[in-house]
Structure formats: structure tokens, C-alpha cells
């Protein structure tokens, strides 16, 4: 598949069919930064995507049939990649199109299958057209997009969705005619803080006091917290965490997406990229928050617990993540989807981006009209939420204001 004589795009039914180094050379090229300033996005790595597939968390049976695109030049050198899946549902995406599917079904159309360029179950921004930098990078992006659209025709799929894009990709894809969508998340930014108290000094006095109170209450009943990473992540850690993950998944969305084997696999292949914030009481685990470590970003992913302690979720998922990021010199904490309550804890709204190609003209026109209104709403809401920032506005306010 391809549209240039010297360029071929292969479709891989599993990522194991390409060498890890070749994929990673496109996904995380050396000395290169994405639009957020991240030089290594761990979710795009071969190790992470391969763990999803080898554990069968991602497969045709789970509704995520891999259809990865790999672009090669005439000499067989890999010039670009695209993580892509043929899907029979809209679960695990965090950019919701259930309404589009329902409307198309009512009109007599088949919305599924569809193609999804994404990292399964992972609402983290990153490039989707994985092309190393160079003078012809945008041309190679267009070739990958063209191949994806040819793949859509091959499967008679209704649509192609590229979700949690970087903003420059979103802009370029819009210029090529794809429909553009926005949403928002809440991220914490490291403004060169020396420690957690230094971060607190940047907040309004009332917010500082509230956070200190929450942190005290979270640990009031003998709860302790430690950071587990690297070789300390043994199978006992994963056994304990998986129990918490199952409980949270069952309560929030029914059947959890990831199986136990997945966690063992990422523990084997990318342990230094994993941070488990572990909560303990009376010598046993009572909760944990799983984070993935980029070169500049800490990505919060999953939380679960077996005991309820007021504010423990905030302590483990937000405050401990901030403390770790400061200790490691990371630039930001990306705490996952949704959650306006994060604003009071220093996580401010950030726009997220997706692009969509819909084959049916009538459905495309209807969705385009909806997205134009939605983008306006997201922009207005983000501006309003930013006004609720907990950061102090009076530069003369200092730590000494705290009692």
C-alpha cells in the first residue's frame, strides 16, 4: 500500500512484526521533542504497545484488532509508523463518539468497523503520525494518512479517528480536510519548584491551608506512602495492585480493560518507566496509584484501594505525583481524563485534540456542525475554569502568610 513509487506502507497485524528499535526510532526519535516538550512518550514505545498485544488485552477478540502502518522507502528503511486499530466498538477511547454511532445506526448505516489511531485505554497526548523530524516530515505524514484512508476503504469502515493528538498534528490534519475536535484535561506544571512546600507557596493562602489539611487527614489513621519503581516492582506488588485495579474498574466501567499479564509484562520491559505510589497500613497494602514516567512528564494512570480514608486518593494521585515530579525534575504531571476537582490542587485546564474522517457525507456534515459548536463550548469552559486557578495573584504573598 502506498502512493509513491519509492515508498511502501505495510500493514502489521501485530507490533511484534517490526523490530523495537525501528519502531522506537519513529515513535521517540533521539534529540526530538513533541509539542508538549516531551522527548520520550512511553505509551508510544514498542514495549508498551507490545505488552498490550502479548497479554491479549488488545486483540481482535477485545475489539482492538491491530492494523499498524509502517512506511518504508525503496531501500526498506522505516520512514514512519502509525499505531492503528480496527474497532468494533467505541470503548476505551476517552473521546466519545457513541452519539455519532447511534445516529448513523438510526439512519440505517453501519458505524462499525472504524479505524482508530491511538494508544488503547490511554488518554495521553502524543504524536499519532510517527515521523522523525526532517525536511520532508509533513510529506511523510500525508503518506501515512493516505495509507490509513486506503485501509479504511479496504475494510469498508465508516471512519478514521486520530485521538489525543499534538496540536500541530491537529492543525495540519484540519488543513487536509479532517474534522477537528477539542476537549480538556487538567495538568500540573513544574515552575522550577525546589520541593512541595515551594509549590505550596505559589498558591493562595486559603488553598495552601486546604491542601495541608487534606494531606494530614489522608495519613491520620496510620497510613504510610512509599514510591516503588525499577527492580523493586516484583510480582507481589503487581498482585496487590491488580486487585485494586479490578475493584476500581468494576465500579467505574464494568469490565476492566487490562489483564494481570499486562502488568507483569510492563514490569519486565519498562520497570524504570513505572512509578507505583503505594499506600500501606498495619504492614499491608491498602491502595496504590500507577504512574508512567516520561523524560519530562509523569503520567498518572490508575488508582485503587481496599480501604476508604478521606483524601487518600488526592494524596496518592495528585500530591505524591507532584512531589515525585519535583524530586525528579519533571516538567509536568498529566493526571488523566476529566476531574474539575483537580483545579484546586494545582492542575489547570489543558486543551486536548482529535481529528476525524467520516466517509458518509451526510454523517460528516452533521458531525462537522456539532464539532463547531463543541469547540466553542470547550474554549469558553476552559477560560472559565482557568479563572478558578488556586495560584496566588498577589505577588507579595509569601510562605510567611501561612499559619
Foldseek 3Di string as FASTA:
>chain_A
DFDDPFKDKAWDQALVVDDQVLQCCLQQNPPDADPVRFRFDPLSGSLQRNLCVVQPLADVVVFWGWTKIFMAGNVRRTFWIFTKTFGFDDPQAQPDDVVLQVVQVVVVHHQPGEMEGDRGNAQAAGAGTRGDDDPCRVVSSVRVVVVVVVVCVVVVHFKYKYWNYGVVVQVVVVVVPWFKFKAKFWKFFCPLAQALLSVLFQFDQVLSVVVVVLVCQLCVQPKDKDKDFDPRCDLVVLVVAVVFQQVVCCVPPNGDSDDSSSVVSCCVVPRNQKIWIFMDHPPDTFKIWIWGHTPAEIETRDIGGNDDGGSNCCCHQPVVRVRVCSVNVHGMYGRDDDDLVCQSVRIAMDMGMMTMDGDDPVSSVVVSVVRVVNVVVNVVVSVVSNVVHRGDPPPVRGSVVHD
